Amino acid sequence: MWHADEANLHEFRTKAREFLGQKDHFAIVNYLRMVIGQERGGHISPLAAYDAELDRFLILDVARYKYQPVWVSASDLFSAMNTPDADNGNKKRGFVLITRLTRQ
């Protein structure tokens, strides 16, 4: 887990892009919706893909009834994560990289 103020745009882009390219690896972002042009409020959703040519991430919004999947520039998404989260002691929002647990 990284708070946005513990990383920079380049680190976020690199970590998320590399992670998304691996099987059973997932990236989840906590971001402020109004920074990317949506209604205000914080939100948590998974990333589905990265487009290197356009430097954009695909957010699969968990509130599909309200928001369709959306491509967001890496810099706009990082800016939306680099905002205080009142529900977490005003620490900056950020991202989590997780893997599927495999049983042996």
PDB file of N, CA and C in Angstrom:
ATOM      1  N   MET A   1       0.845  -1.167   0.000  1.00  0.00           N
ATOM      2  CA  MET A   1       0.000   0.000   0.000  1.00  0.00           C
ATOM      3  C   MET A   1       0.893   1.234   0.000  1.00  0.00           C
ATOM      4  N   TRP A   2       0.539   2.200  -0.828  1.00  0.00           N
ATOM      5  CA  TRP A   2       1.274   3.457  -0.885  1.00  0.00           C
ATOM      6  C   TRP A   2       0.304   4.619  -0.807  1.00  0.00           C
ATOM      7  N   HIS A   3       0.609   5.552   0.082  1.00  0.00           N
ATOM      8  CA  HIS A   3      -0.081   6.835   0.061  1.00  0.00           C
ATOM      9  C   HIS A   3       0.591   7.649  -1.038  1.00  0.00           C
ATOM     10  N   ALA A   4      -0.169   8.504  -1.705  1.00  0.00           N
ATOM     11  CA  ALA A   4       0.378   9.240  -2.851  1.00  0.00           C
ATOM     12  C   ALA A   4       1.585  10.088  -2.467  1.00  0.00           C
ATOM     13  N   ASP A   5       1.633  10.580  -1.237  1.00  0.00           N
ATOM     14  CA  ASP A   5       2.786  11.399  -0.856  1.00  0.00           C
ATOM     15  C   ASP A   5       4.011  10.550  -0.492  1.00  0.00           C
ATOM     16  N   GLU A   6       3.888   9.227  -0.588  1.00  0.00           N
ATOM     17  CA  GLU A   6       5.026   8.331  -0.367  1.00  0.00           C
ATOM     18  C   GLU A   6       5.623   7.864  -1.688  1.00  0.00           C
ATOM     19  N   ALA A   7       5.058   8.332  -2.784  1.00  0.00           N
ATOM     20  CA  ALA A   7       5.515   7.957  -4.126  1.00  0.00           C
ATOM     21  C   ALA A   7       5.410   9.202  -5.000  1.00  0.00           C
ATOM     22  N   ASN A   8       5.788   9.062  -6.262  1.00  0.00           N
ATOM     23  CA  ASN A   8       5.572  10.146  -7.212  1.00  0.00           C
ATOM     24  C   ASN A   8       4.877   9.539  -8.429  1.00  0.00           C
ATOM     25  N   LEU A   9       4.535  10.375  -9.387  1.00  0.00           N
ATOM     26  CA  LEU A   9       3.805   9.908 -10.564  1.00  0.00           C
ATOM     27  C   LEU A   9       4.562   8.787 -11.282  1.00  0.00           C
ATOM     28  N   HIS A  10       5.849   8.959 -11.463  1.00  0.00           N
ATOM     29  CA  HIS A  10       6.640   7.943 -12.163  1.00  0.00           C
ATOM     30  C   HIS A  10       6.610   6.605 -11.420  1.00  0.00           C
ATOM     31  N   GLU A  11       6.787   6.640 -10.097  1.00  0.00           N
ATOM     32  CA  GLU A  11       6.762   5.405  -9.313  1.00  0.00           C
ATOM     33  C   GLU A  11       5.390   4.730  -9.381  1.00  0.00           C
ATOM     34  N   PHE A  12       4.320   5.520  -9.258  1.00  0.00           N
ATOM     35  CA  PHE A  12       2.978   4.965  -9.353  1.00  0.00           C
ATOM     36  C   PHE A  12       2.760   4.308 -10.708  1.00  0.00           C
ATOM     37  N   ARG A  13       3.062   5.033 -11.768  1.00  0.00           N
ATOM     38  CA  ARG A  13       2.870   4.517 -13.123  1.00  0.00           C
ATOM     39  C   ARG A  13       3.645   3.211 -13.323  1.00  0.00           C
ATOM     40  N   THR A  14       4.907   3.211 -12.913  1.00  0.00           N
ATOM     41  CA  THR A  14       5.759   2.040 -13.101  1.00  0.00           C
ATOM     42  C   THR A  14       5.254   0.847 -12.299  1.00  0.00           C
ATOM     43  N   LYS A  15       4.976   1.051 -11.019  1.00  0.00           N
ATOM     44  CA  LYS A  15       4.518  -0.045 -10.167  1.00  0.00           C
ATOM     45  C   LYS A  15       3.180  -0.604 -10.659  1.00  0.00           C
ATOM     46  N   ALA A  16       2.222   0.272 -10.935  1.00  0.00           N
ATOM     47  CA  ALA A  16       0.893  -0.179 -11.358  1.00  0.00           C
ATOM     48  C   ALA A  16       0.952  -0.857 -12.717  1.00  0.00           C
ATOM     49  N   ARG A  17       1.675  -0.288 -13.655  1.00  0.00           N
ATOM     50  CA  ARG A  17       1.778  -0.867 -15.003  1.00  0.00           C
ATOM     51  C   ARG A  17       2.401  -2.256 -14.950  1.00  0.00           C
ATOM     52  N   GLU A  18       3.510  -2.393 -14.244  1.00  0.00           N
ATOM     53  CA  GLU A  18       4.168  -3.694 -14.149  1.00  0.00           C
ATOM     54  C   GLU A  18       3.296  -4.709 -13.423  1.00  0.00           C
ATOM     55  N   PHE A  19       2.625  -4.278 -12.393  1.00  0.00           N
ATOM     56  CA  PHE A  19       1.782  -5.174 -11.616  1.00  0.00           C
ATOM     57  C   PHE A  19       0.599  -5.660 -12.445  1.00  0.00           C
ATOM     58  N   LEU A  20      -0.042  -4.760 -13.178  1.00  0.00           N
ATOM     59  CA  LEU A  20      -1.203  -5.133 -13.993  1.00  0.00           C
ATOM     60  C   LEU A  20      -0.831  -6.111 -15.102  1.00  0.00           C
ATOM     61  N   GLY A  21       0.422  -6.135 -15.482  1.00  0.00           N
ATOM     62  CA  GLY A  21       0.860  -7.018 -16.551  1.00  0.00           C
ATOM     63  C   GLY A  21       1.103  -8.458 -16.113  1.00  0.00           C
ATOM     64  N   GLN A  22       0.893  -8.756 -14.854  1.00  0.00           N
ATOM     65  CA  GLN A  22       1.139 -10.100 -14.337  1.00  0.00           C
ATOM     66  C   GLN A  22      -0.176 -10.803 -13.997  1.00  0.00           C
ATOM     67  N   LYS A  23      -0.196 -12.090 -14.191  1.00  0.00           N
ATOM     68  CA  LYS A  23      -1.380 -12.890 -13.893  1.00  0.00           C
ATOM     69  C   LYS A  23      -1.693 -12.835 -12.390  1.00  0.00           C
ATOM     70  N   ASP A  24      -2.978 -12.707 -12.085  1.00  0.00           N
ATOM     71  CA  ASP A  24      -3.471 -12.702 -10.700  1.00  0.00           C
ATOM     72  C   ASP A  24      -2.899 -11.562  -9.855  1.00  0.00           C
ATOM     73  N   HIS A  25      -2.578 -10.455 -10.496  1.00  0.00           N
ATOM     74  CA  HIS A  25      -2.116  -9.247  -9.811  1.00  0.00           C
ATOM     75  C   HIS A  25      -3.130  -8.143 -10.071  1.00  0.00           C
ATOM     76  N   PHE A  26      -3.432  -7.376  -9.020  1.00  0.00           N
ATOM     77  CA  PHE A  26      -4.484  -6.373  -9.118  1.00  0.00           C
ATOM     78  C   PHE A  26      -4.030  -5.070  -8.460  1.00  0.00           C
ATOM     79  N   ALA A  27      -4.515  -3.964  -9.015  1.00  0.00           N
ATOM     80  CA  ALA A  27      -4.229  -2.637  -8.465  1.00  0.00           C
ATOM     81  C   ALA A  27      -5.546  -1.967  -8.118  1.00  0.00           C
ATOM     82  N   ILE A  28      -5.614  -1.408  -6.917  1.00  0.00           N
ATOM     83  CA  ILE A  28      -6.809  -0.717  -6.445  1.00  0.00           C
ATOM     84  C   ILE A  28      -6.391   0.692  -6.059  1.00  0.00           C
ATOM     85  N   VAL A  29      -7.197   1.670  -6.484  1.00  0.00           N
ATOM     86  CA  VAL A  29      -6.876   3.066  -6.197  1.00  0.00           C
ATOM     87  C   VAL A  29      -7.958   3.703  -5.330  1.00  0.00           C
ATOM     88  N   ASN A  30      -7.519   4.577  -4.447  1.00  0.00           N
ATOM     89  CA  ASN A  30      -8.400   5.414  -3.638  1.00  0.00           C
ATOM     90  C   ASN A  30      -8.174   6.829  -4.146  1.00  0.00           C
ATOM     91  N   TYR A  31      -9.209   7.440  -4.727  1.00  0.00           N
ATOM     92  CA  TYR A  31      -9.042   8.734  -5.378  1.00  0.00           C
ATOM     93  C   TYR A  31     -10.233   9.638  -5.112  1.00  0.00           C
ATOM     94  N   LEU A  32     -10.022  10.921  -5.300  1.00  0.00           N
ATOM     95  CA  LEU A  32     -11.076  11.914  -5.150  1.00  0.00           C
ATOM     96  C   LEU A  32     -11.717  12.128  -6.509  1.00  0.00           C
ATOM     97  N   ARG A  33     -12.981  11.737  -6.635  1.00  0.00           N
ATOM     98  CA  ARG A  33     -13.662  11.745  -7.929  1.00  0.00           C
ATOM     99  C   ARG A  33     -13.667  13.107  -8.622  1.00  0.00           C
ATOM    100  N   MET A  34     -13.878  14.179  -7.864  1.00  0.00           N
ATOM    101  CA  MET A  34     -14.030  15.478  -8.538  1.00  0.00           C
ATOM    102  C   MET A  34     -12.761  15.916  -9.265  1.00  0.00           C
ATOM    103  N   VAL A  35     -11.609  15.384  -8.878  1.00  0.00           N
ATOM    104  CA  VAL A  35     -10.359  15.741  -9.556  1.00  0.00           C
ATOM    105  C   VAL A  35     -10.346  15.210 -10.992  1.00  0.00           C
ATOM    106  N   ILE A  36     -11.067  14.114 -11.242  1.00  0.00           N
ATOM    107  CA  ILE A  36     -11.117  13.571 -12.608  1.00  0.00           C
ATOM    108  C   ILE A  36     -12.443  13.910 -13.304  1.00  0.00           C
ATOM    109  N   GLY A  37     -13.155  14.915 -12.773  1.00  0.00           N
ATOM    110  CA  GLY A  37     -14.356  15.407 -13.438  1.00  0.00           C
ATOM    111  C   GLY A  37     -15.640  14.692 -13.083  1.00  0.00           C
ATOM    112  N   GLN A  38     -15.631  13.898 -12.023  1.00  0.00           N
ATOM    113  CA  GLN A  38     -16.853  13.231 -11.581  1.00  0.00           C
ATOM    114  C   GLN A  38     -17.399  13.951 -10.350  1.00  0.00           C
ATOM    115  N   GLU A  39     -18.511  13.446  -9.811  1.00  0.00           N
ATOM    116  CA  GLU A  39     -19.061  14.043  -8.603  1.00  0.00           C
ATOM    117  C   GLU A  39     -18.042  13.979  -7.491  1.00  0.00           C
ATOM    118  N   ARG A  40     -18.186  14.898  -6.527  1.00  0.00           N
ATOM    119  CA  ARG A  40     -17.219  14.945  -5.447  1.00  0.00           C
ATOM    120  C   ARG A  40     -17.303  13.725  -4.548  1.00  0.00           C
ATOM    121  N   GLY A  41     -16.281  13.566  -3.764  1.00  0.00           N
ATOM    122  CA  GLY A  41     -16.211  12.465  -2.818  1.00  0.00           C
ATOM    123  C   GLY A  41     -15.110  11.493  -3.165  1.00  0.00           C
ATOM    124  N   GLY A  42     -14.614  10.827  -2.144  1.00  0.00           N
ATOM    125  CA  GLY A  42     -13.590   9.821  -2.341  1.00  0.00           C
ATOM    126  C   GLY A  42     -14.199   8.531  -2.844  1.00  0.00           C
ATOM    127  N   HIS A  43     -13.388   7.729  -3.491  1.00  0.00           N
ATOM    128  CA  HIS A  43     -13.880   6.489  -4.076  1.00  0.00           C
ATOM    129  C   HIS A  43     -12.735   5.489  -4.204  1.00  0.00           C
ATOM    130  N   ILE A  44     -13.083   4.215  -4.153  1.00  0.00           N
ATOM    131  CA  ILE A  44     -12.101   3.140  -4.299  1.00  0.00           C
ATOM    132  C   ILE A  44     -12.566   2.225  -5.418  1.00  0.00           C
ATOM    133  N   SER A  45     -11.687   1.977  -6.387  1.00  0.00           N
ATOM    134  CA  SER A  45     -12.015   1.107  -7.517  1.00  0.00           C
ATOM    135  C   SER A  45     -10.749   0.442  -8.033  1.00  0.00           C
ATOM    136  N   PRO A  46     -10.912  -0.684  -8.735  1.00  0.00           N
ATOM    137  CA  PRO A  46      -9.753  -1.361  -9.320  1.00  0.00           C
ATOM    138  C   PRO A  46      -9.355  -0.765 -10.669  1.00  0.00           C
ATOM    139  N   LEU A  47      -8.079  -0.908 -10.980  1.00  0.00           N
ATOM    140  CA  LEU A  47      -7.584  -0.576 -12.314  1.00  0.00           C
ATOM    141  C   LEU A  47      -7.619  -1.845 -13.149  1.00  0.00           C
ATOM    142  N   ALA A  48      -7.941  -1.696 -14.427  1.00  0.00           N
ATOM    143  CA  ALA A  48      -8.042  -2.876 -15.294  1.00  0.00           C
ATOM    144  C   ALA A  48      -6.923  -2.945 -16.312  1.00  0.00           C
ATOM    145  N   ALA A  49      -6.387  -1.794 -16.720  1.00  0.00           N
ATOM    146  CA  ALA A  49      -5.393  -1.804 -17.791  1.00  0.00           C
ATOM    147  C   ALA A  49      -4.632  -0.490 -17.808  1.00  0.00           C
ATOM    148  N   TYR A  50      -3.527  -0.518 -18.543  1.00  0.00           N
ATOM    149  CA  TYR A  50      -2.718   0.681 -18.771  1.00  0.00           C
ATOM    150  C   TYR A  50      -2.435   0.784 -20.263  1.00  0.00           C
ATOM    151  N   ASP A  51      -2.629   1.960 -20.835  1.00  0.00           N
ATOM    152  CA  ASP A  51      -2.327   2.231 -22.244  1.00  0.00           C
ATOM    153  C   ASP A  51      -1.074   3.101 -22.274  1.00  0.00           C
ATOM    154  N   ALA A  52       0.054   2.497 -22.611  1.00  0.00           N
ATOM    155  CA  ALA A  52       1.329   3.209 -22.587  1.00  0.00           C
ATOM    156  C   ALA A  52       1.388   4.328 -23.622  1.00  0.00           C
ATOM    157  N   GLU A  53       0.771   4.120 -24.769  1.00  0.00           N
ATOM    158  CA  GLU A  53       0.810   5.131 -25.819  1.00  0.00           C
ATOM    159  C   GLU A  53       0.126   6.429 -25.381  1.00  0.00           C
ATOM    160  N   LEU A  54      -0.997   6.301 -24.677  1.00  0.00           N
ATOM    161  CA  LEU A  54      -1.736   7.483 -24.220  1.00  0.00           C
ATOM    162  C   LEU A  54      -1.477   7.823 -22.756  1.00  0.00           C
ATOM    163  N   ASP A  55      -0.689   6.990 -22.068  1.00  0.00           N
ATOM    164  CA  ASP A  55      -0.383   7.161 -20.647  1.00  0.00           C
ATOM    165  C   ASP A  55      -1.668   7.293 -19.829  1.00  0.00           C
ATOM    166  N   ARG A  56      -2.549   6.297 -19.988  1.00  0.00           N
ATOM    167  CA  ARG A  56      -3.833   6.287 -19.293  1.00  0.00           C
ATOM    168  C   ARG A  56      -4.084   4.939 -18.635  1.00  0.00           C
ATOM    169  N   PHE A  57      -4.798   5.001 -17.497  1.00  0.00           N
ATOM    170  CA  PHE A  57      -5.253   3.805 -16.800  1.00  0.00           C
ATOM    171  C   PHE A  57      -6.759   3.677 -16.977  1.00  0.00           C
ATOM    172  N   LEU A  58      -7.230   2.437 -17.048  1.00  0.00           N
ATOM    173  CA  LEU A  58      -8.657   2.153 -17.131  1.00  0.00           C
ATOM    174  C   LEU A  58      -9.163   1.828 -15.740  1.00  0.00           C
ATOM    175  N   ILE A  59     -10.090   2.652 -15.243  1.00  0.00           N
ATOM    176  CA  ILE A  59     -10.706   2.429 -13.940  1.00  0.00           C
ATOM    177  C   ILE A  59     -12.009   1.675 -14.152  1.00  0.00           C
ATOM    178  N   LEU A  60     -12.155   0.554 -13.471  1.00  0.00           N
ATOM    179  CA  LEU A  60     -13.419  -0.185 -13.483  1.00  0.00           C
ATOM    180  C   LEU A  60     -14.195   0.234 -12.244  1.00  0.00           C
ATOM    181  N   ASP A  61     -15.024   1.241 -12.395  1.00  0.00           N
ATOM    182  CA  ASP A  61     -15.742   1.788 -11.249  1.00  0.00           C
ATOM    183  C   ASP A  61     -16.652   0.740 -10.641  1.00  0.00           C
ATOM    184  N   VAL A  62     -16.592   0.594  -9.327  1.00  0.00           N
ATOM    185  CA  VAL A  62     -17.429  -0.392  -8.648  1.00  0.00           C
ATOM    186  C   VAL A  62     -18.880   0.070  -8.550  1.00  0.00           C
ATOM    187  N   ALA A  63     -19.140   1.328  -8.821  1.00  0.00           N
ATOM    188  CA  ALA A  63     -20.513   1.853  -8.851  1.00  0.00           C
ATOM    189  C   ALA A  63     -20.962   1.920 -10.314  1.00  0.00           C
ATOM    190  N   ARG A  64     -21.059   0.752 -10.948  1.00  0.00           N
ATOM    191  CA  ARG A  64     -21.362   0.682 -12.385  1.00  0.00           C
ATOM    192  C   ARG A  64     -22.711   1.296 -12.731  1.00  0.00           C
ATOM    193  N   TYR A  65     -23.629   1.317 -11.795  1.00  0.00           N
ATOM    194  CA  TYR A  65     -24.938   1.916 -12.055  1.00  0.00           C
ATOM    195  C   TYR A  65     -24.828   3.411 -12.311  1.00  0.00           C
ATOM    196  N   LYS A  66     -23.759   3.997 -11.852  1.00  0.00           N
ATOM    197  CA  LYS A  66     -23.582   5.446 -11.962  1.00  0.00           C
ATOM    198  C   LYS A  66     -22.442   5.839 -12.901  1.00  0.00           C
ATOM    199  N   TYR A  67     -21.360   5.069 -12.889  1.00  0.00           N
ATOM    200  CA  TYR A  67     -20.179   5.397 -13.678  1.00  0.00           C
ATOM    201  C   TYR A  67     -19.719   4.184 -14.479  1.00  0.00           C
ATOM    202  N   GLN A  68     -19.574   4.373 -15.755  1.00  0.00           N
ATOM    203  CA  GLN A  68     -19.032   3.336 -16.630  1.00  0.00           C
ATOM    204  C   GLN A  68     -17.508   3.302 -16.461  1.00  0.00           C
ATOM    205  N   PRO A  69     -16.853   2.229 -16.921  1.00  0.00           N
ATOM    206  CA  PRO A  69     -15.386   2.231 -16.905  1.00  0.00           C
ATOM    207  C   PRO A  69     -14.867   3.471 -17.636  1.00  0.00           C
ATOM    208  N   VAL A  70     -13.760   4.018 -17.145  1.00  0.00           N
ATOM    209  CA  VAL A  70     -13.256   5.265 -17.713  1.00  0.00           C
ATOM    210  C   VAL A  70     -11.727   5.226 -17.801  1.00  0.00           C
ATOM    211  N   TRP A  71     -11.215   5.740 -18.927  1.00  0.00           N
ATOM    212  CA  TRP A  71      -9.772   5.911 -19.085  1.00  0.00           C
ATOM    213  C   TRP A  71      -9.396   7.265 -18.499  1.00  0.00           C
ATOM    214  N   VAL A  72      -8.384   7.284 -17.646  1.00  0.00           N
ATOM    215  CA  VAL A  72      -7.940   8.511 -16.985  1.00  0.00           C
ATOM    216  C   VAL A  72      -6.426   8.624 -17.157  1.00  0.00           C
ATOM    217  N   SER A  73      -5.959   9.819 -17.462  1.00  0.00           N
ATOM    218  CA  SER A  73      -4.514   9.986 -17.611  1.00  0.00           C
ATOM    219  C   SER A  73      -3.829   9.656 -16.286  1.00  0.00           C
ATOM    220  N   ALA A  74      -2.630   9.118 -16.390  1.00  0.00           N
ATOM    221  CA  ALA A  74      -1.875   8.746 -15.194  1.00  0.00           C
ATOM    222  C   ALA A  74      -1.676   9.961 -14.288  1.00  0.00           C
ATOM    223  N   SER A  75      -1.401  11.117 -14.868  1.00  0.00           N
ATOM    224  CA  SER A  75      -1.168  12.307 -14.035  1.00  0.00           C
ATOM    225  C   SER A  75      -2.448  12.766 -13.342  1.00  0.00           C
ATOM    226  N   ASP A  76      -3.587  12.716 -14.035  1.00  0.00           N
ATOM    227  CA  ASP A  76      -4.853  13.095 -13.391  1.00  0.00           C
ATOM    228  C   ASP A  76      -5.208  12.122 -12.280  1.00  0.00           C
ATOM    229  N   LEU A  77      -5.000  10.834 -12.518  1.00  0.00           N
ATOM    230  CA  LEU A  77      -5.303   9.841 -11.489  1.00  0.00           C
ATOM    231  C   LEU A  77      -4.391  10.024 -10.288  1.00  0.00           C
ATOM    232  N   PHE A  78      -3.114  10.268 -10.525  1.00  0.00           N
ATOM    233  CA  PHE A  78      -2.201  10.479  -9.403  1.00  0.00           C
ATOM    234  C   PHE A  78      -2.602  11.732  -8.625  1.00  0.00           C
ATOM    235  N   SER A  79      -2.996  12.782  -9.317  1.00  0.00           N
ATOM    236  CA  SER A  79      -3.461  13.998  -8.636  1.00  0.00           C
ATOM    237  C   SER A  79      -4.694  13.713  -7.792  1.00  0.00           C
ATOM    238  N   ALA A  80      -5.593  12.868  -8.312  1.00  0.00           N
ATOM    239  CA  ALA A  80      -6.817  12.519  -7.582  1.00  0.00           C
ATOM    240  C   ALA A  80      -6.502  11.671  -6.346  1.00  0.00           C
ATOM    241  N   MET A  81      -5.412  10.910  -6.398  1.00  0.00           N
ATOM    242  CA  MET A  81      -4.986  10.129  -5.233  1.00  0.00           C
ATOM    243  C   MET A  81      -4.232  10.997  -4.233  1.00  0.00           C
ATOM    244  N   ASN A  82      -3.592  12.039  -4.701  1.00  0.00           N
ATOM    245  CA  ASN A  82      -2.756  12.892  -3.857  1.00  0.00           C
ATOM    246  C   ASN A  82      -3.601  13.965  -3.170  1.00  0.00           C
ATOM    247  N   THR A  83      -4.684  13.524  -2.550  1.00  0.00           N
ATOM    248  CA  THR A  83      -5.622  14.396  -1.845  1.00  0.00           C
ATOM    249  C   THR A  83      -5.867  13.821  -0.457  1.00  0.00           C
ATOM    250  N   PRO A  84      -6.181  14.679   0.526  1.00  0.00           N
ATOM    251  CA  PRO A  84      -6.395  14.172   1.884  1.00  0.00           C
ATOM    252  C   PRO A  84      -7.686  13.356   1.990  1.00  0.00           C
ATOM    253  N   ASP A  85      -7.625  12.314   2.796  1.00  0.00           N
ATOM    254  CA  ASP A  85      -8.762  11.430   3.036  1.00  0.00           C
ATOM    255  C   ASP A  85      -9.219  11.625   4.482  1.00  0.00           C
ATOM    256  N   ALA A  86     -10.330  12.321   4.672  1.00  0.00           N
ATOM    257  CA  ALA A  86     -10.828  12.626   6.014  1.00  0.00           C
ATOM    258  C   ALA A  86     -11.149  11.364   6.808  1.00  0.00           C
ATOM    259  N   ASP A  87     -11.485  10.275   6.123  1.00  0.00           N
ATOM    260  CA  ASP A  87     -11.801   9.022   6.808  1.00  0.00           C
ATOM    261  C   ASP A  87     -10.554   8.280   7.266  1.00  0.00           C
ATOM    262  N   ASN A  88      -9.381   8.809   6.939  1.00  0.00           N
ATOM    263  CA  ASN A  88      -8.126   8.165   7.311  1.00  0.00           C
ATOM    264  C   ASN A  88      -7.171   9.186   7.939  1.00  0.00           C
ATOM    265  N   GLY A  89      -7.698  10.015   8.811  1.00  0.00           N
ATOM    266  CA  GLY A  89      -6.859  10.981   9.516  1.00  0.00           C
ATOM    267  C   GLY A  89      -6.210  12.005   8.614  1.00  0.00           C
ATOM    268  N   ASN A  90      -6.837  12.305   7.472  1.00  0.00           N
ATOM    269  CA  ASN A  90      -6.340  13.260   6.482  1.00  0.00           C
ATOM    270  C   ASN A  90      -5.021  12.844   5.844  1.00  0.00           C
ATOM    271  N   LYS A  91      -4.693  11.546   5.935  1.00  0.00           N
ATOM    272  CA  LYS A  91      -3.549  11.057   5.165  1.00  0.00           C
ATOM    273  C   LYS A  91      -3.930  11.105   3.696  1.00  0.00           C
ATOM    274  N   LYS A  92      -2.940  11.121   2.839  1.00  0.00           N
ATOM    275  CA  LYS A  92      -3.218  11.141   1.400  1.00  0.00           C
ATOM    276  C   LYS A  92      -3.805   9.806   0.962  1.00  0.00           C
ATOM    277  N   ARG A  93      -4.661   9.861  -0.045  1.00  0.00           N
ATOM    278  CA  ARG A  93      -5.195   8.651  -0.656  1.00  0.00           C
ATOM    279  C   ARG A  93      -4.042   7.963  -1.374  1.00  0.00           C
ATOM    280  N   GLY A  94      -4.287   6.854  -2.035  1.00  0.00           N
ATOM    281  CA  GLY A  94      -3.193   6.187  -2.713  1.00  0.00           C
ATOM    282  C   GLY A  94      -3.631   4.936  -3.441  1.00  0.00           C
ATOM    283  N   PHE A  95      -2.749   3.936  -3.451  1.00  0.00           N
ATOM    284  CA  PHE A  95      -3.037   2.720  -4.198  1.00  0.00           C
ATOM    285  C   PHE A  95      -2.521   1.501  -3.457  1.00  0.00           C
ATOM    286  N   VAL A  96      -3.137   0.370  -3.760  1.00  0.00           N
ATOM    287  CA  VAL A  96      -2.796  -0.903  -3.157  1.00  0.00           C
ATOM    288  C   VAL A  96      -2.544  -1.895  -4.284  1.00  0.00           C
ATOM    289  N   LEU A  97      -1.494  -2.659  -4.170  1.00  0.00           N
ATOM    290  CA  LEU A  97      -1.190  -3.719  -5.128  1.00  0.00           C
ATOM    291  C   LEU A  97      -1.363  -5.047  -4.409  1.00  0.00           C
ATOM    292  N   ILE A  98      -2.203  -5.910  -4.966  1.00  0.00           N
ATOM    293  CA  ILE A  98      -2.481  -7.185  -4.307  1.00  0.00           C
ATOM    294  C   ILE A  98      -2.345  -8.333  -5.305  1.00  0.00           C
ATOM    295  N   THR A  99      -2.120  -9.514  -4.781  1.00  0.00           N
ATOM    296  CA  THR A  99      -2.052 -10.712  -5.620  1.00  0.00           C
ATOM    297  C   THR A  99      -3.063 -11.728  -5.111  1.00  0.00           C
ATOM    298  N   ARG A 100      -3.472 -12.574  -6.015  1.00  0.00           N
ATOM    299  CA  ARG A 100      -4.385 -13.650  -5.648  1.00  0.00           C
ATOM    300  C   ARG A 100      -3.593 -14.691  -4.872  1.00  0.00           C
ATOM    301  N   LEU A 101      -4.163 -15.138  -3.768  1.00  0.00           N
ATOM    302  CA  LEU A 101      -3.529 -16.170  -2.957  1.00  0.00           C
ATOM    303  C   LEU A 101      -3.610 -17.497  -3.689  1.00  0.00           C
ATOM    304  N   THR A 102      -2.480 -18.127  -3.846  1.00  0.00           N
ATOM    305  CA  THR A 102      -2.478 -19.443  -4.485  1.00  0.00           C
ATOM    306  C   THR A 102      -2.252 -20.497  -3.408  1.00  0.00           C
ATOM    307  N   ARG A 103      -3.009 -21.551  -3.516  1.00  0.00           N
ATOM    308  CA  ARG A 103      -2.879 -22.642  -2.531  1.00  0.00           C
ATOM    309  C   ARG A 103      -1.916 -23.697  -3.059  1.00  0.00           C
ATOM    310  N   GLN A 104      -1.122 -24.196  -2.172  1.00  0.00           N
ATOM    311  CA  GLN A 104      -0.157 -25.213  -2.577  1.00  0.00           C
ATOM    312  C   GLN A 104      -0.418 -26.511  -1.872  1.00  0.00           C
TER     313      GLN A 104
END
